[in-house]
Amino acid sequence: MTLYSNIVYNNNIAYKILDIIAIHNFVDKKGNINKQVLGMYVHEKGGDHVLQRQDKFLICETIEEATIV
């Protein structure tokens, strides 16, 4: 994963970073990630993808490839 200011590339797909948040904010009492709460957070931020980098979640929006008309 390559990081350029607010754009990150993962598997040759470009993502705009909307927010970076610590993973511990979504961990339940059993130590598991609460995916429902994470999903609501991503939706609230307008994202469509989550990437993990060390102890952080990157809340992202996929950058569509340009179409030549």
Protein backbone atom coordinates (compact mmCIF):
# COMPACT_ATOMS: atom_id res chain seq x y z
CA MET A 1 0.00 0.00 0.00
CA THR A 2 1.41 3.37 -1.04
CA LEU A 3 0.25 6.55 0.68
CA TYR A 4 0.28 9.99 -1.03
CA SER A 5 -1.20 12.75 1.16
CA ASN A 6 -4.91 11.91 1.03
CA ILE A 7 -4.75 9.22 -1.70
CA VAL A 8 -3.76 5.62 -1.08
CA TYR A 9 -3.23 2.85 -3.65
CA ASN A 10 -4.05 -0.73 -2.78
CA ASN A 11 -3.95 -3.50 -5.43
CA ASN A 12 -3.70 -0.84 -8.17
CA ILE A 13 -6.93 0.82 -7.03
CA ALA A 14 -6.85 4.45 -5.91
CA TYR A 15 -8.75 5.51 -2.79
CA LYS A 16 -9.35 8.98 -1.36
CA ILE A 17 -8.82 8.95 2.41
CA LEU A 18 -11.80 10.53 4.14
CA ASP A 19 -10.76 9.79 7.72
CA ILE A 20 -8.16 7.92 9.76
CA ILE A 21 -9.27 6.45 13.06
CA ALA A 22 -7.71 4.13 15.63
CA ILE A 23 -8.93 0.53 15.49
CA HIS A 24 -9.52 0.40 19.26
CA ASN A 25 -12.60 2.60 18.75
CA PHE A 26 -14.38 -0.38 17.15
CA VAL A 27 -13.21 -3.22 19.42
CA ASP A 28 -15.88 -4.86 21.58
CA LYS A 29 -15.43 -6.38 25.06
CA LYS A 30 -14.33 -9.70 23.54
CA GLY A 31 -11.57 -8.03 21.53
CA ASN A 32 -13.32 -8.38 18.16
CA ILE A 33 -13.98 -5.63 15.63
CA ASN A 34 -17.64 -4.58 15.74
CA LYS A 35 -18.24 -4.54 11.99
CA GLN A 36 -21.76 -3.12 12.33
CA VAL A 37 -20.52 -0.03 14.18
CA LEU A 38 -17.59 0.32 11.76
CA GLY A 39 -20.00 0.08 8.83
CA MET A 40 -22.21 2.82 10.27
CA TYR A 41 -19.16 5.02 10.78
CA VAL A 42 -17.98 4.46 7.19
CA HIS A 43 -21.48 5.26 5.89
CA GLU A 44 -21.62 8.44 7.99
CA LYS A 45 -18.28 9.59 6.52
CA GLY A 46 -19.44 8.83 2.96
CA GLY A 47 -16.90 6.07 2.41
CA ASP A 48 -17.19 2.81 0.54
CA HIS A 49 -14.01 1.00 1.61
CA VAL A 50 -11.91 0.44 4.74
CA LEU A 51 -8.18 -0.26 4.71
CA GLN A 52 -6.07 -1.15 7.72
CA ARG A 53 -2.66 0.38 8.27
CA GLN A 54 -0.94 -0.71 11.48
CA ASP A 55 -3.33 0.23 14.31
CA LYS A 56 -5.50 2.55 12.20
CA PHE A 57 -8.46 2.20 9.86
CA LEU A 58 -8.41 4.34 6.75
CA ILE A 59 -11.97 5.24 5.79
CA CYS A 60 -11.87 5.63 2.03
CA GLU A 61 -13.82 6.43 -1.10
CA THR A 62 -12.89 4.59 -4.30
CA ILE A 63 -11.58 6.90 -7.02
CA GLU A 64 -13.19 5.87 -10.28
CA GLU A 65 -10.95 5.51 -13.32
CA ALA A 66 -11.41 8.15 -15.98
CA THR A 67 -13.39 7.13 -19.04
CA ILE A 68 -12.28 8.56 -22.36
CA VAL A 69 -15.28 9.50 -24.46
